[in-house]
Protein backbone atom coordinates (compact mmCIF):
# COMPACT_ATOMS: atom_id res chain seq x y z
CA MET A 1 8.39 34.69 -15.68
CA PHE A 2 10.00 36.46 -18.77
CA TYR A 3 13.10 36.67 -17.11
CA LYS A 4 13.15 32.53 -16.70
CA ILE A 5 12.20 32.15 -20.32
CA SER A 6 14.65 34.23 -21.53
CA VAL A 7 17.43 32.58 -19.57
CA VAL A 8 16.50 29.19 -20.72
CA ALA A 9 16.17 30.41 -24.73
CA ILE A 10 19.91 31.80 -24.27
CA LEU A 11 21.05 28.58 -22.69
CA ALA A 12 19.37 26.48 -25.21
CA ALA A 13 20.94 28.71 -28.04
CA LEU A 14 24.33 28.10 -26.53
CA VAL A 15 23.87 24.49 -26.26
CA THR A 16 22.58 23.78 -29.77
CA GLY A 17 24.26 26.62 -31.80
CA CYS A 18 26.96 25.03 -34.47
CA ALA A 19 30.57 25.54 -34.10
CA SER A 20 32.49 25.54 -37.37
CA VAL A 21 36.09 24.85 -38.54
CA PRO A 22 37.99 25.38 -41.62
CA MET A 23 37.14 22.10 -43.92
CA GLU A 24 39.24 20.26 -46.23
CA SER A 25 37.91 19.52 -50.06
CA LYS A 26 35.31 17.22 -50.59
CA GLU A 27 37.96 15.37 -52.61
CA ALA A 28 40.37 14.93 -49.93
CA SER A 29 37.40 14.04 -47.63
CA ASP A 30 36.28 11.36 -49.98
CA GLN A 31 39.76 9.87 -50.43
CA ALA A 32 40.02 9.61 -46.52
CA LYS A 33 36.67 7.91 -46.35
CA ARG A 34 38.27 4.89 -48.60
CA PHE A 35 40.21 3.88 -45.48
CA ALA A 36 43.31 2.86 -47.41
CA ALA A 37 46.16 1.04 -45.51
CA PRO A 38 48.77 3.74 -43.92
CA SER A 39 51.82 4.46 -45.52
CA GLN A 40 54.94 2.08 -45.32
CA GLY A 41 55.79 1.75 -41.37
CA GLN A 42 52.75 4.11 -40.25
CA ALA A 43 49.29 3.53 -38.44
CA GLY A 44 46.39 5.80 -39.39
CA LEU A 45 44.54 7.43 -36.84
CA TYR A 46 40.80 8.62 -37.63
CA ILE A 47 39.79 11.02 -34.75
CA TYR A 48 36.25 12.29 -35.12
CA ARG A 49 33.42 13.89 -33.52
CA THR A 50 29.76 13.46 -34.34
CA ALA A 51 26.94 15.71 -33.66
CA GLY A 52 25.33 15.96 -29.99
CA VAL A 53 25.78 17.94 -27.11
CA GLY A 54 28.15 20.86 -27.02
CA ALA A 55 27.26 22.03 -30.69
CA ALA A 56 28.83 25.41 -30.27
CA LEU A 57 32.07 24.22 -28.88
CA LYS A 58 35.14 23.75 -30.46
CA LYS A 59 38.04 21.61 -29.04
CA ASP A 60 41.70 21.26 -29.78
CA ILE A 61 43.15 17.73 -30.54
CA TRP A 62 46.87 16.82 -30.28
CA VAL A 63 48.81 13.83 -31.30
CA ASN A 64 52.09 13.55 -29.20
CA GLY A 65 51.80 17.20 -28.37
CA LYS A 66 51.37 18.34 -31.97
CA CYS A 67 48.07 20.21 -32.76
CA VAL A 68 46.36 18.18 -35.21
CA GLY A 69 43.26 20.87 -35.50
CA GLU A 70 40.30 22.21 -33.92
CA SER A 71 37.20 20.14 -33.84
CA ALA A 72 33.54 20.80 -34.35
CA PRO A 73 30.59 18.61 -34.67
CA ASN A 74 30.55 16.16 -37.75
CA VAL A 75 33.90 16.49 -38.44
CA PHE A 76 36.97 14.14 -38.43
CA PHE A 77 40.79 14.06 -39.07
CA TYR A 78 42.99 11.82 -40.38
CA GLU A 79 46.58 11.55 -39.17
CA GLU A 80 49.62 8.94 -39.62
CA VAL A 81 52.02 8.08 -36.79
CA LYS A 82 54.88 5.55 -36.63
CA GLY A 83 53.76 2.04 -36.39
CA GLY A 84 55.23 -0.21 -33.63
CA GLN A 85 55.01 2.65 -30.82
CA GLU A 86 52.62 4.29 -27.93
CA HIS A 87 51.28 7.64 -29.00
CA THR A 88 49.45 10.01 -26.92
CA ILE A 89 46.16 11.34 -28.41
CA ALA A 90 44.83 14.45 -26.18
CA THR A 91 41.88 17.05 -26.28
CA GLU A 92 41.27 20.11 -24.31
CA SER A 93 38.54 19.91 -21.70
CA GLU A 94 37.29 22.22 -19.11
CA PHE A 95 40.13 22.24 -16.89
CA SER A 96 43.09 20.38 -18.41
CA PRO A 97 43.44 18.32 -21.27
CA ASN A 98 42.31 14.73 -21.25
CA GLU A 99 44.47 12.11 -23.09
CA ILE A 100 44.66 8.58 -23.98
CA LYS A 101 47.71 6.62 -24.87
CA LEU A 102 47.52 4.28 -27.71
CA ALA A 103 50.08 1.72 -29.08
CA VAL A 104 49.67 1.32 -32.54
CA VAL A 105 50.55 -1.63 -35.19
CA GLU A 106 52.07 -0.98 -38.67
CA GLY A 107 49.50 -0.87 -41.44
CA ILE A 108 46.53 -0.32 -39.27
CA ASN A 109 43.85 2.39 -38.89
CA TYR A 110 42.66 3.20 -35.50
CA PHE A 111 39.22 4.90 -34.70
CA ILE A 112 39.23 7.88 -31.92
CA ARG A 113 35.93 9.31 -30.82
CA GLN A 114 36.15 12.58 -29.40
CA TYR A 115 32.94 13.52 -27.69
CA ILE A 116 31.61 16.28 -25.21
CA LYS A 117 30.55 15.79 -21.78
CA MET A 118 29.00 18.31 -19.43
CA GLY A 119 31.19 20.28 -16.98
CA ALA A 120 30.83 22.75 -14.15
CA PHE A 121 31.08 25.89 -16.27
CA VAL A 122 31.50 24.95 -20.06
CA GLY A 123 31.40 21.35 -21.77
CA GLY A 124 34.53 19.16 -21.61
CA ALA A 125 36.03 16.92 -24.17
CA ASP A 126 36.92 13.43 -23.79
CA LEU A 127 38.46 10.40 -26.15
CA GLU A 128 37.76 6.75 -26.84
CA VAL A 129 38.82 4.36 -29.11
CA VAL A 130 36.03 2.47 -30.94
CA GLY A 131 35.90 -0.59 -33.25
CA GLU A 132 36.97 -0.33 -36.78
CA ALA A 133 33.19 -1.12 -38.04
CA ASP A 134 31.52 1.71 -35.69
CA GLY A 135 34.66 4.12 -36.55
CA LYS A 136 33.91 3.73 -40.33
CA GLN A 137 30.41 3.90 -40.18
CA ALA A 138 30.20 7.22 -38.39
CA ILE A 139 33.15 8.89 -40.47
CA ASN A 140 31.14 7.86 -43.94
CA SER A 141 28.76 10.50 -42.55
CA LEU A 142 31.09 13.36 -41.53
CA GLN A 143 33.52 15.82 -43.41
CA MET A 144 37.34 16.03 -43.03
CA ALA A 145 38.68 19.34 -41.10
CA LYS A 146 41.71 21.18 -42.05
CA LYS A 147 44.81 20.30 -39.78
CA GLY A 148 46.77 22.46 -38.01
CA THR A 149 44.71 25.19 -36.53
CA CYS A 150 44.14 25.17 -32.77
CA GLY A 151 42.53 27.41 -30.87
CA ASP A 152 44.10 29.89 -27.93
């Protein structure tokens, strides 16, 4: 009986523990939350992750093969990409990266939610494009993570 309780307690700690990543300043985060139009010729990508299953997991995010950063619960990234083109947004998962291709229009901000899903051995991650209203609402309660640091 003690063994079963111990195993359950350890698993619960792993699932509910909290991962942390390097964060941007509050000022930079607040600036990004103004949702200004992207720079001339660019589109904006807000990539975010809310709290939930897999809080102890950190998952890499890439845009067009370039590391954006390592996500944790309650963080977002802002990245500008060339407008009028298709871009690949990817995240690491349990066995291989999951990706979406998104054709963007210059001057528009897009919102991509990363979420953790249960896997065979560890949680995997996936991505989905969400509407502007839902994306803005979610990001207003998050903080911006520093870009450019992906795990190994």
